Amino acid sequence: MSRNIIMPTEEDAEINAGIAADPDTFEWTEEDFAKARSAYEVLPELFGVEIADEMLRPKSKGRPRTETPKVFIGIRLDAEVLEAFRATGKGWQTRMNDALKEWLKEHEMPT
């Protein structure tokens, strides 16, 4: 197994030299870490309590909740059906759902 080693370019060397020369760029010492304060402590001092609370509030993850959520199921389909919908690109599951809704409109379901 051979390794592909990429050597730094002259431009990389210039960039690294610029970083090394920047007085605001340095590695923290144990003393620096000992003096550090958390965002929960610092942000209210900098921005006020109300804005700090907003900044520190956890953001919700994922999509917003919908009034008509979808239900996850496992379903077996013919490969050709699945491939045909997937071939339509992003949103193929929504299009498949819409096709099934249309089928329901056109066919009477037994009760």
PDB file of N, CA and C in Angstrom:
ATOM      1  N   MET A   1       0.856  -1.176   0.000  1.00  0.00           N
ATOM      2  CA  MET A   1       0.000   0.000   0.000  1.00  0.00           C
ATOM      3  C   MET A   1       0.902   1.241   0.000  1.00  0.00           C
ATOM      4  N   SER A   2       0.712   2.085  -0.968  1.00  0.00           N
ATOM      5  CA  SER A   2       1.527   3.296  -1.044  1.00  0.00           C
ATOM      6  C   SER A   2       0.756   4.473  -0.455  1.00  0.00           C
ATOM      7  N   ARG A   3       1.485   5.390   0.094  1.00  0.00           N
ATOM      8  CA  ARG A   3       0.878   6.582   0.678  1.00  0.00           C
ATOM      9  C   ARG A   3       1.057   7.746  -0.279  1.00  0.00           C
ATOM     10  N   ASN A   4       0.059   8.559  -0.350  1.00  0.00           N
ATOM     11  CA  ASN A   4       0.120   9.755  -1.170  1.00  0.00           C
ATOM     12  C   ASN A   4       0.374  10.932  -0.235  1.00  0.00           C
ATOM     13  N   ILE A   5       1.608  11.355  -0.153  1.00  0.00           N
ATOM     14  CA  ILE A   5       1.981  12.446   0.757  1.00  0.00           C
ATOM     15  C   ILE A   5       1.955  13.753  -0.018  1.00  0.00           C
ATOM     16  N   ILE A   6       1.210  14.704   0.527  1.00  0.00           N
ATOM     17  CA  ILE A   6       1.118  16.027  -0.093  1.00  0.00           C
ATOM     18  C   ILE A   6       1.999  16.978   0.711  1.00  0.00           C
ATOM     19  N   MET A   7       3.012  17.477   0.075  1.00  0.00           N
ATOM     20  CA  MET A   7       3.950  18.380   0.741  1.00  0.00           C
ATOM     21  C   MET A   7       3.363  19.799   0.766  1.00  0.00           C
ATOM     22  N   PRO A   8       3.650  20.540   1.833  1.00  0.00           N
ATOM     23  CA  PRO A   8       3.160  21.918   1.904  1.00  0.00           C
ATOM     24  C   PRO A   8       3.725  22.756   0.745  1.00  0.00           C
ATOM     25  N   THR A   9       2.900  23.621   0.239  1.00  0.00           N
ATOM     26  CA  THR A   9       3.337  24.505  -0.846  1.00  0.00           C
ATOM     27  C   THR A   9       3.968  25.758  -0.252  1.00  0.00           C
ATOM     28  N   GLU A  10       4.519  26.580  -1.117  1.00  0.00           N
ATOM     29  CA  GLU A  10       5.082  27.852  -0.679  1.00  0.00           C
ATOM     30  C   GLU A  10       3.974  28.713  -0.065  1.00  0.00           C
ATOM     31  N   GLU A  11       2.791  28.642  -0.681  1.00  0.00           N
ATOM     32  CA  GLU A  11       1.654  29.407  -0.155  1.00  0.00           C
ATOM     33  C   GLU A  11       1.285  28.925   1.251  1.00  0.00           C
ATOM     34  N   ASP A  12       1.287  27.592   1.471  1.00  0.00           N
ATOM     35  CA  ASP A  12       1.016  27.046   2.803  1.00  0.00           C
ATOM     36  C   ASP A  12       2.021  27.584   3.814  1.00  0.00           C
ATOM     37  N   ALA A  13       3.289  27.621   3.428  1.00  0.00           N
ATOM     38  CA  ALA A  13       4.338  28.122   4.316  1.00  0.00           C
ATOM     39  C   ALA A  13       4.094  29.586   4.663  1.00  0.00           C
ATOM     40  N   GLU A  14       3.670  30.387   3.695  1.00  0.00           N
ATOM     41  CA  GLU A  14       3.381  31.804   3.951  1.00  0.00           C
ATOM     42  C   GLU A  14       2.194  31.954   4.900  1.00  0.00           C
ATOM     43  N   ILE A  15       1.203  31.137   4.686  1.00  0.00           N
ATOM     44  CA  ILE A  15       0.029  31.187   5.572  1.00  0.00           C
ATOM     45  C   ILE A  15       0.433  30.820   6.990  1.00  0.00           C
ATOM     46  N   ASN A  16       1.181  29.723   7.149  1.00  0.00           N
ATOM     47  CA  ASN A  16       1.609  29.295   8.480  1.00  0.00           C
ATOM     48  C   ASN A  16       2.504  30.338   9.148  1.00  0.00           C
ATOM     49  N   ALA A  17       3.354  30.991   8.370  1.00  0.00           N
ATOM     50  CA  ALA A  17       4.206  32.047   8.930  1.00  0.00           C
ATOM     51  C   ALA A  17       3.350  33.209   9.405  1.00  0.00           C
ATOM     52  N   GLY A  18       2.318  33.558   8.639  1.00  0.00           N
ATOM     53  CA  GLY A  18       1.417  34.629   9.044  1.00  0.00           C
ATOM     54  C   GLY A  18       0.685  34.297  10.328  1.00  0.00           C
ATOM     55  N   ILE A  19       0.268  33.054  10.456  1.00  0.00           N
ATOM     56  CA  ILE A  19      -0.412  32.623  11.690  1.00  0.00           C
ATOM     57  C   ILE A  19       0.545  32.725  12.872  1.00  0.00           C
ATOM     58  N   ALA A  20       1.780  32.242  12.681  1.00  0.00           N
ATOM     59  CA  ALA A  20       2.775  32.267  13.765  1.00  0.00           C
ATOM     60  C   ALA A  20       3.109  33.695  14.178  1.00  0.00           C
ATOM     61  N   ALA A  21       3.074  34.628  13.234  1.00  0.00           N
ATOM     62  CA  ALA A  21       3.431  36.020  13.527  1.00  0.00           C
ATOM     63  C   ALA A  21       2.280  36.804  14.145  1.00  0.00           C
ATOM     64  N   ASP A  22       1.062  36.277  14.085  1.00  0.00           N
ATOM     65  CA  ASP A  22      -0.113  36.987  14.596  1.00  0.00           C
ATOM     66  C   ASP A  22      -0.095  36.969  16.119  1.00  0.00           C
ATOM     67  N   PRO A  23      -0.032  38.140  16.773  1.00  0.00           N
ATOM     68  CA  PRO A  23       0.033  38.168  18.234  1.00  0.00           C
ATOM     69  C   PRO A  23      -1.257  37.684  18.908  1.00  0.00           C
ATOM     70  N   ASP A  24      -2.365  37.644  18.163  1.00  0.00           N
ATOM     71  CA  ASP A  24      -3.628  37.174  18.739  1.00  0.00           C
ATOM     72  C   ASP A  24      -3.785  35.661  18.625  1.00  0.00           C
ATOM     73  N   THR A  25      -2.831  34.984  17.996  1.00  0.00           N
ATOM     74  CA  THR A  25      -2.898  33.541  17.830  1.00  0.00           C
ATOM     75  C   THR A  25      -1.841  32.902  18.711  1.00  0.00           C
ATOM     76  N   PHE A  26      -2.301  32.130  19.683  1.00  0.00           N
ATOM     77  CA  PHE A  26      -1.366  31.456  20.580  1.00  0.00           C
ATOM     78  C   PHE A  26      -2.073  30.261  21.194  1.00  0.00           C
ATOM     79  N   GLU A  27      -1.287  29.316  21.690  1.00  0.00           N
ATOM     80  CA  GLU A  27      -1.862  28.165  22.385  1.00  0.00           C
ATOM     81  C   GLU A  27      -2.102  28.535  23.836  1.00  0.00           C
ATOM     82  N   TRP A  28      -3.231  28.091  24.354  1.00  0.00           N
ATOM     83  CA  TRP A  28      -3.573  28.383  25.738  1.00  0.00           C
ATOM     84  C   TRP A  28      -2.681  27.591  26.691  1.00  0.00           C
ATOM     85  N   THR A  29      -2.347  28.245  27.793  1.00  0.00           N
ATOM     86  CA  THR A  29      -1.585  27.590  28.865  1.00  0.00           C
ATOM     87  C   THR A  29      -2.584  27.126  29.933  1.00  0.00           C
ATOM     88  N   GLU A  30      -2.089  26.391  30.908  1.00  0.00           N
ATOM     89  CA  GLU A  30      -2.931  25.968  32.031  1.00  0.00           C
ATOM     90  C   GLU A  30      -3.507  27.197  32.747  1.00  0.00           C
ATOM     91  N   GLU A  31      -2.707  28.257  32.829  1.00  0.00           N
ATOM     92  CA  GLU A  31      -3.159  29.498  33.473  1.00  0.00           C
ATOM     93  C   GLU A  31      -4.314  30.132  32.688  1.00  0.00           C
ATOM     94  N   ASP A  32      -4.216  30.110  31.350  1.00  0.00           N
ATOM     95  CA  ASP A  32      -5.301  30.638  30.514  1.00  0.00           C
ATOM     96  C   ASP A  32      -6.593  29.869  30.770  1.00  0.00           C
ATOM     97  N   PHE A  33      -6.491  28.541  30.802  1.00  0.00           N
ATOM     98  CA  PHE A  33      -7.682  27.722  31.037  1.00  0.00           C
ATOM     99  C   PHE A  33      -8.254  27.980  32.431  1.00  0.00           C
ATOM    100  N   ALA A  34      -7.399  28.192  33.412  1.00  0.00           N
ATOM    101  CA  ALA A  34      -7.855  28.448  34.780  1.00  0.00           C
ATOM    102  C   ALA A  34      -8.629  29.766  34.870  1.00  0.00           C
ATOM    103  N   LYS A  35      -8.261  30.758  34.041  1.00  0.00           N
ATOM    104  CA  LYS A  35      -8.934  32.063  34.066  1.00  0.00           C
ATOM    105  C   LYS A  35     -10.196  32.099  33.195  1.00  0.00           C
ATOM    106  N   ALA A  36     -10.378  31.103  32.348  1.00  0.00           N
ATOM    107  CA  ALA A  36     -11.503  31.109  31.410  1.00  0.00           C
ATOM    108  C   ALA A  36     -12.840  31.050  32.150  1.00  0.00           C
ATOM    109  N   ARG A  37     -13.853  31.717  31.579  1.00  0.00           N
ATOM    110  CA  ARG A  37     -15.194  31.706  32.159  1.00  0.00           C
ATOM    111  C   ARG A  37     -16.175  31.218  31.095  1.00  0.00           C
ATOM    112  N   SER A  38     -17.266  30.630  31.530  1.00  0.00           N
ATOM    113  CA  SER A  38     -18.232  30.064  30.591  1.00  0.00           C
ATOM    114  C   SER A  38     -19.075  31.157  29.941  1.00  0.00           C
ATOM    115  N   ALA A  39     -19.683  30.824  28.835  1.00  0.00           N
ATOM    116  CA  ALA A  39     -20.574  31.755  28.137  1.00  0.00           C
ATOM    117  C   ALA A  39     -21.742  32.147  29.034  1.00  0.00           C
ATOM    118  N   TYR A  40     -22.203  31.210  29.868  1.00  0.00           N
ATOM    119  CA  TYR A  40     -23.317  31.511  30.779  1.00  0.00           C
ATOM    120  C   TYR A  40     -22.968  32.620  31.758  1.00  0.00           C
ATOM    121  N   GLU A  41     -21.698  32.745  32.069  1.00  0.00           N
ATOM    122  CA  GLU A  41     -21.248  33.788  32.987  1.00  0.00           C
ATOM    123  C   GLU A  41     -20.942  35.094  32.250  1.00  0.00           C
ATOM    124  N   VAL A  42     -20.350  35.001  31.072  1.00  0.00           N
ATOM    125  CA  VAL A  42     -19.850  36.179  30.367  1.00  0.00           C
ATOM    126  C   VAL A  42     -20.926  36.900  29.552  1.00  0.00           C
ATOM    127  N   LEU A  43     -21.768  36.146  28.838  1.00  0.00           N
ATOM    128  CA  LEU A  43     -22.730  36.787  27.925  1.00  0.00           C
ATOM    129  C   LEU A  43     -23.687  37.761  28.603  1.00  0.00           C
ATOM    130  N   PRO A  44     -24.229  37.460  29.801  1.00  0.00           N
ATOM    131  CA  PRO A  44     -25.092  38.469  30.446  1.00  0.00           C
ATOM    132  C   PRO A  44     -24.371  39.777  30.727  1.00  0.00           C
ATOM    133  N   GLU A  45     -23.084  39.704  31.047  1.00  0.00           N
ATOM    134  CA  GLU A  45     -22.301  40.915  31.287  1.00  0.00           C
ATOM    135  C   GLU A  45     -22.130  41.717  29.990  1.00  0.00           C
ATOM    136  N   LEU A  46     -21.961  41.004  28.887  1.00  0.00           N
ATOM    137  CA  LEU A  46     -21.704  41.676  27.613  1.00  0.00           C
ATOM    138  C   LEU A  46     -22.969  42.190  26.945  1.00  0.00           C
ATOM    139  N   PHE A  47     -24.050  41.400  26.986  1.00  0.00           N
ATOM    140  CA  PHE A  47     -25.248  41.722  26.205  1.00  0.00           C
ATOM    141  C   PHE A  47     -26.505  41.958  27.033  1.00  0.00           C
ATOM    142  N   GLY A  48     -26.455  41.726  28.330  1.00  0.00           N
ATOM    143  CA  GLY A  48     -27.644  41.820  29.162  1.00  0.00           C
ATOM    144  C   GLY A  48     -28.296  40.446  29.285  1.00  0.00           C
ATOM    145  N   VAL A  49     -29.081  40.284  30.338  1.00  0.00           N
ATOM    146  CA  VAL A  49     -29.664  38.979  30.665  1.00  0.00           C
ATOM    147  C   VAL A  49     -30.621  38.494  29.582  1.00  0.00           C
ATOM    148  N   GLU A  50     -31.493  39.371  29.087  1.00  0.00           N
ATOM    149  CA  GLU A  50     -32.516  38.949  28.118  1.00  0.00           C
ATOM    150  C   GLU A  50     -31.886  38.421  26.827  1.00  0.00           C
ATOM    151  N   ILE A  51     -30.950  39.154  26.280  1.00  0.00           N
ATOM    152  CA  ILE A  51     -30.302  38.731  25.030  1.00  0.00           C
ATOM    153  C   ILE A  51     -29.451  37.491  25.281  1.00  0.00           C
ATOM    154  N   ALA A  52     -28.751  37.441  26.421  1.00  0.00           N
ATOM    155  CA  ALA A  52     -27.931  36.271  26.748  1.00  0.00           C
ATOM    156  C   ALA A  52     -28.792  35.021  26.860  1.00  0.00           C
ATOM    157  N   ASP A  53     -29.980  35.150  27.503  1.00  0.00           N
ATOM    158  CA  ASP A  53     -30.887  33.998  27.609  1.00  0.00           C
ATOM    159  C   ASP A  53     -31.296  33.498  26.232  1.00  0.00           C
ATOM    160  N   GLU A  54     -31.581  34.415  25.326  1.00  0.00           N
ATOM    161  CA  GLU A  54     -31.961  34.047  23.962  1.00  0.00           C
ATOM    162  C   GLU A  54     -30.802  33.342  23.253  1.00  0.00           C
ATOM    163  N   MET A  55     -29.599  33.858  23.432  1.00  0.00           N
ATOM    164  CA  MET A  55     -28.425  33.272  22.786  1.00  0.00           C
ATOM    165  C   MET A  55     -28.119  31.877  23.335  1.00  0.00           C
ATOM    166  N   LEU A  56     -28.367  31.659  24.606  1.00  0.00           N
ATOM    167  CA  LEU A  56     -28.004  30.398  25.250  1.00  0.00           C
ATOM    168  C   LEU A  56     -29.128  29.365  25.236  1.00  0.00           C
ATOM    169  N   ARG A  57     -30.332  29.775  24.822  1.00  0.00           N
ATOM    170  CA  ARG A  57     -31.467  28.853  24.789  1.00  0.00           C
ATOM    171  C   ARG A  57     -31.221  27.789  23.719  1.00  0.00           C
ATOM    172  N   PRO A  58     -31.374  26.519  24.079  1.00  0.00           N
ATOM    173  CA  PRO A  58     -31.176  25.467  23.075  1.00  0.00           C
ATOM    174  C   PRO A  58     -32.161  25.629  21.917  1.00  0.00           C
ATOM    175  N   LYS A  59     -31.659  25.467  20.734  1.00  0.00           N
ATOM    176  CA  LYS A  59     -32.504  25.562  19.537  1.00  0.00           C
ATOM    177  C   LYS A  59     -33.145  24.208  19.295  1.00  0.00           C
ATOM    178  N   SER A  60     -34.372  24.218  18.816  1.00  0.00           N
ATOM    179  CA  SER A  60     -35.020  22.942  18.512  1.00  0.00           C
ATOM    180  C   SER A  60     -34.330  22.321  17.311  1.00  0.00           C
ATOM    181  N   LYS A  61     -34.310  21.028  17.288  1.00  0.00           N
ATOM    182  CA  LYS A  61     -33.647  20.315  16.204  1.00  0.00           C
ATOM    183  C   LYS A  61     -34.688  19.780  15.240  1.00  0.00           C
ATOM    184  N   GLY A  62     -34.329  19.719  13.996  1.00  0.00           N
ATOM    185  CA  GLY A  62     -35.194  19.122  12.996  1.00  0.00           C
ATOM    186  C   GLY A  62     -36.268  20.072  12.501  1.00  0.00           C
ATOM    187  N   ARG A  63     -37.206  19.484  11.807  1.00  0.00           N
ATOM    188  CA  ARG A  63     -38.292  20.273  11.227  1.00  0.00           C
ATOM    189  C   ARG A  63     -39.303  20.679  12.289  1.00  0.00           C
ATOM    190  N   PRO A  64     -40.021  21.774  12.057  1.00  0.00           N
ATOM    191  CA  PRO A  64     -41.087  22.141  12.993  1.00  0.00           C
ATOM    192  C   PRO A  64     -42.184  21.083  12.969  1.00  0.00           C
ATOM    193  N   ARG A  65     -42.867  20.927  14.077  1.00  0.00           N
ATOM    194  CA  ARG A  65     -43.955  19.949  14.150  1.00  0.00           C
ATOM    195  C   ARG A  65     -45.089  20.376  13.228  1.00  0.00           C
ATOM    196  N   THR A  66     -45.732  19.383  12.614  1.00  0.00           N
ATOM    197  CA  THR A  66     -46.843  19.651  11.722  1.00  0.00           C
ATOM    198  C   THR A  66     -48.137  19.159  12.362  1.00  0.00           C
ATOM    199  N   GLU A  67     -49.255  19.720  11.952  1.00  0.00           N
ATOM    200  CA  GLU A  67     -50.543  19.291  12.491  1.00  0.00           C
ATOM    201  C   GLU A  67     -50.926  17.899  11.995  1.00  0.00           C
ATOM    202  N   THR A  68     -50.379  17.521  10.846  1.00  0.00           N
ATOM    203  CA  THR A  68     -50.676  16.204  10.277  1.00  0.00           C
ATOM    204  C   THR A  68     -49.369  15.448  10.047  1.00  0.00           C
ATOM    205  N   PRO A  69     -48.776  14.927  11.135  1.00  0.00           N
ATOM    206  CA  PRO A  69     -47.480  14.267  10.986  1.00  0.00           C
ATOM    207  C   PRO A  69     -47.599  12.969  10.192  1.00  0.00           C
ATOM    208  N   LYS A  70     -46.527  12.628   9.517  1.00  0.00           N
ATOM    209  CA  LYS A  70     -46.448  11.371   8.797  1.00  0.00           C
ATOM    210  C   LYS A  70     -46.176  10.253   9.807  1.00  0.00           C
ATOM    211  N   VAL A  71     -46.511   9.024   9.434  1.00  0.00           N
ATOM    212  CA  VAL A  71     -46.291   7.865  10.281  1.00  0.00           C
ATOM    213  C   VAL A  71     -45.234   6.994   9.612  1.00  0.00           C
ATOM    214  N   PHE A  72     -44.201   6.637  10.358  1.00  0.00           N
ATOM    215  CA  PHE A  72     -43.158   5.791   9.802  1.00  0.00           C
ATOM    216  C   PHE A  72     -43.632   4.348   9.790  1.00  0.00           C
ATOM    217  N   ILE A  73     -43.470   3.683   8.639  1.00  0.00           N
ATOM    218  CA  ILE A  73     -43.795   2.271   8.520  1.00  0.00           C
ATOM    219  C   ILE A  73     -42.711   1.586   7.700  1.00  0.00           C
ATOM    220  N   GLY A  74     -42.695   0.278   7.766  1.00  0.00           N
ATOM    221  CA  GLY A  74     -41.857  -0.506   6.862  1.00  0.00           C
ATOM    222  C   GLY A  74     -42.791  -1.069   5.798  1.00  0.00           C
ATOM    223  N   ILE A  75     -42.436  -1.001   4.556  1.00  0.00           N
ATOM    224  CA  ILE A  75     -43.308  -1.472   3.478  1.00  0.00           C
ATOM    225  C   ILE A  75     -42.449  -2.136   2.410  1.00  0.00           C
ATOM    226  N   ARG A  76     -42.957  -3.204   1.831  1.00  0.00           N
ATOM    227  CA  ARG A  76     -42.242  -3.893   0.761  1.00  0.00           C
ATOM    228  C   ARG A  76     -42.878  -3.493  -0.562  1.00  0.00           C
ATOM    229  N   LEU A  77     -42.050  -3.024  -1.478  1.00  0.00           N
ATOM    230  CA  LEU A  77     -42.512  -2.597  -2.795  1.00  0.00           C
ATOM    231  C   LEU A  77     -41.721  -3.337  -3.861  1.00  0.00           C
ATOM    232  N   ASP A  78     -42.294  -3.450  -5.041  1.00  0.00           N
ATOM    233  CA  ASP A  78     -41.534  -3.983  -6.164  1.00  0.00           C
ATOM    234  C   ASP A  78     -40.375  -3.030  -6.425  1.00  0.00           C
ATOM    235  N   ALA A  79     -39.229  -3.606  -6.765  1.00  0.00           N
ATOM    236  CA  ALA A  79     -38.034  -2.804  -7.017  1.00  0.00           C
ATOM    237  C   ALA A  79     -38.284  -1.778  -8.111  1.00  0.00           C
ATOM    238  N   GLU A  80     -39.023  -2.153  -9.146  1.00  0.00           N
ATOM    239  CA  GLU A  80     -39.263  -1.220 -10.260  1.00  0.00           C
ATOM    240  C   GLU A  80     -40.090  -0.016  -9.816  1.00  0.00           C
ATOM    241  N   VAL A  81     -41.018  -0.224  -8.877  1.00  0.00           N
ATOM    242  CA  VAL A  81     -41.823   0.899  -8.368  1.00  0.00           C
ATOM    243  C   VAL A  81     -40.924   1.845  -7.572  1.00  0.00           C
ATOM    244  N   LEU A  82     -40.143   1.277  -6.688  1.00  0.00           N
ATOM    245  CA  LEU A  82     -39.249   2.087  -5.871  1.00  0.00           C
ATOM    246  C   LEU A  82     -38.238   2.841  -6.736  1.00  0.00           C
ATOM    247  N   GLU A  83     -37.627   2.160  -7.687  1.00  0.00           N
ATOM    248  CA  GLU A  83     -36.642   2.796  -8.568  1.00  0.00           C
ATOM    249  C   GLU A  83     -37.265   3.932  -9.373  1.00  0.00           C
ATOM    250  N   ALA A  84     -38.510   3.724  -9.828  1.00  0.00           N
ATOM    251  CA  ALA A  84     -39.180   4.762 -10.622  1.00  0.00           C
ATOM    252  C   ALA A  84     -39.394   6.028  -9.806  1.00  0.00           C
ATOM    253  N   PHE A  85     -39.834   5.883  -8.564  1.00  0.00           N
ATOM    254  CA  PHE A  85     -40.040   7.066  -7.728  1.00  0.00           C
ATOM    255  C   PHE A  85     -38.710   7.704  -7.341  1.00  0.00           C
ATOM    256  N   ARG A  86     -37.728   6.889  -6.978  1.00  0.00           N
ATOM    257  CA  ARG A  86     -36.423   7.440  -6.621  1.00  0.00           C
ATOM    258  C   ARG A  86     -35.786   8.189  -7.798  1.00  0.00           C
ATOM    259  N   ALA A  87     -36.042   7.720  -8.993  1.00  0.00           N
ATOM    260  CA  ALA A  87     -35.462   8.345 -10.185  1.00  0.00           C
ATOM    261  C   ALA A  87     -35.994   9.762 -10.402  1.00  0.00           C
ATOM    262  N   THR A  88     -37.107  10.103  -9.738  1.00  0.00           N
ATOM    263  CA  THR A  88     -37.663  11.450  -9.900  1.00  0.00           C
ATOM    264  C   THR A  88     -36.908  12.477  -9.054  1.00  0.00           C
ATOM    265  N   GLY A  89     -35.955  12.012  -8.226  1.00  0.00           N
ATOM    266  CA  GLY A  89     -35.110  12.933  -7.464  1.00  0.00           C
ATOM    267  C   GLY A  89     -35.631  13.226  -6.074  1.00  0.00           C
ATOM    268  N   LYS A  90     -35.032  14.250  -5.482  1.00  0.00           N
ATOM    269  CA  LYS A  90     -35.360  14.649  -4.117  1.00  0.00           C
ATOM    270  C   LYS A  90     -36.858  14.899  -3.991  1.00  0.00           C
ATOM    271  N   GLY A  91     -37.449  14.407  -2.916  1.00  0.00           N
ATOM    272  CA  GLY A  91     -38.884  14.556  -2.696  1.00  0.00           C
ATOM    273  C   GLY A  91     -39.688  13.379  -3.217  1.00  0.00           C
ATOM    274  N   TRP A  92     -38.997  12.290  -3.596  1.00  0.00           N
ATOM    275  CA  TRP A  92     -39.706  11.147  -4.181  1.00  0.00           C
ATOM    276  C   TRP A  92     -40.685  10.519  -3.199  1.00  0.00           C
ATOM    277  N   GLN A  93     -40.379  10.524  -1.905  1.00  0.00           N
ATOM    278  CA  GLN A  93     -41.301   9.934  -0.925  1.00  0.00           C
ATOM    279  C   GLN A  93     -42.585  10.756  -0.838  1.00  0.00           C
ATOM    280  N   THR A  94     -42.467  12.068  -0.915  1.00  0.00           N
ATOM    281  CA  THR A  94     -43.656  12.930  -0.912  1.00  0.00           C
ATOM    282  C   THR A  94     -44.491  12.667  -2.149  1.00  0.00           C
ATOM    283  N   ARG A  95     -43.829  12.517  -3.301  1.00  0.00           N
ATOM    284  CA  ARG A  95     -44.576  12.218  -4.534  1.00  0.00           C
ATOM    285  C   ARG A  95     -45.261  10.867  -4.452  1.00  0.00           C
ATOM    286  N   MET A  96     -44.615   9.887  -3.834  1.00  0.00           N
ATOM    287  CA  MET A  96     -45.246   8.580  -3.666  1.00  0.00           C
ATOM    288  C   MET A  96     -46.458   8.702  -2.745  1.00  0.00           C
ATOM    289  N   ASN A  97     -46.332   9.466  -1.689  1.00  0.00           N
ATOM    290  CA  ASN A  97     -47.449   9.698  -0.771  1.00  0.00           C
ATOM    291  C   ASN A  97     -48.610  10.372  -1.510  1.00  0.00           C
ATOM    292  N   ASP A  98     -48.289  11.367  -2.337  1.00  0.00           N
ATOM    293  CA  ASP A  98     -49.328  12.068  -3.107  1.00  0.00           C
ATOM    294  C   ASP A  98     -50.015  11.122  -4.088  1.00  0.00           C
ATOM    295  N   ALA A  99     -49.243  10.218  -4.706  1.00  0.00           N
ATOM    296  CA  ALA A  99     -49.833   9.256  -5.643  1.00  0.00           C
ATOM    297  C   ALA A  99     -50.795   8.323  -4.915  1.00  0.00           C
ATOM    298  N   LEU A 100     -50.442   7.910  -3.711  1.00  0.00           N
ATOM    299  CA  LEU A 100     -51.333   7.047  -2.933  1.00  0.00           C
ATOM    300  C   LEU A 100     -52.594   7.805  -2.501  1.00  0.00           C
ATOM    301  N   LYS A 101     -52.453   9.076  -2.143  1.00  0.00           N
ATOM    302  CA  LYS A 101     -53.630   9.892  -1.803  1.00  0.00           C
ATOM    303  C   LYS A 101     -54.574   9.999  -2.998  1.00  0.00           C
ATOM    304  N   GLU A 102     -53.998  10.211  -4.186  1.00  0.00           N
ATOM    305  CA  GLU A 102     -54.805  10.309  -5.407  1.00  0.00           C
ATOM    306  C   GLU A 102     -55.529   9.000  -5.671  1.00  0.00           C
ATOM    307  N   TRP A 103     -54.860   7.889  -5.459  1.00  0.00           N
ATOM    308  CA  TRP A 103     -55.480   6.572  -5.653  1.00  0.00           C
ATOM    309  C   TRP A 103     -56.673   6.427  -4.706  1.00  0.00           C
ATOM    310  N   LEU A 104     -56.515   6.897  -3.447  1.00  0.00           N
ATOM    311  CA  LEU A 104     -57.618   6.806  -2.476  1.00  0.00           C
ATOM    312  C   LEU A 104     -58.829   7.615  -2.926  1.00  0.00           C
ATOM    313  N   LYS A 105     -58.596   8.769  -3.553  1.00  0.00           N
ATOM    314  CA  LYS A 105     -59.702   9.606  -4.041  1.00  0.00           C
ATOM    315  C   LYS A 105     -60.480   8.897  -5.135  1.00  0.00           C
ATOM    316  N   GLU A 106     -59.779   8.110  -5.949  1.00  0.00           N
ATOM    317  CA  GLU A 106     -60.387   7.478  -7.117  1.00  0.00           C
ATOM    318  C   GLU A 106     -60.970   6.099  -6.829  1.00  0.00           C
ATOM    319  N   HIS A 107     -60.694   5.539  -5.677  1.00  0.00           N
ATOM    320  CA  HIS A 107     -61.153   4.177  -5.348  1.00  0.00           C
ATOM    321  C   HIS A 107     -61.906   4.190  -4.033  1.00  0.00           C
ATOM    322  N   GLU A 108     -63.018   3.530  -4.026  1.00  0.00           N
ATOM    323  CA  GLU A 108     -63.822   3.453  -2.813  1.00  0.00           C
ATOM    324  C   GLU A 108     -63.234   2.392  -1.902  1.00  0.00           C
ATOM    325  N   MET A 109     -63.006   2.753  -0.676  1.00  0.00           N
ATOM    326  CA  MET A 109     -62.436   1.840   0.279  1.00  0.00           C
ATOM    327  C   MET A 109     -63.540   1.137   1.054  1.00  0.00           C
ATOM    328  N   PRO A 110     -63.421  -0.177   1.277  1.00  0.00           N
ATOM    329  CA  PRO A 110     -64.431  -0.890   2.064  1.00  0.00           C
ATOM    330  C   PRO A 110     -64.400  -0.416   3.513  1.00  0.00           C
ATOM    331  N   THR A 111     -65.524  -0.390   4.151  1.00  0.00           N
ATOM    332  CA  THR A 111     -65.582   0.046   5.550  1.00  0.00           C
ATOM    333  C   THR A 111     -65.760  -1.101   6.499  1.00  0.00           C
TER     334      THR A 111
END
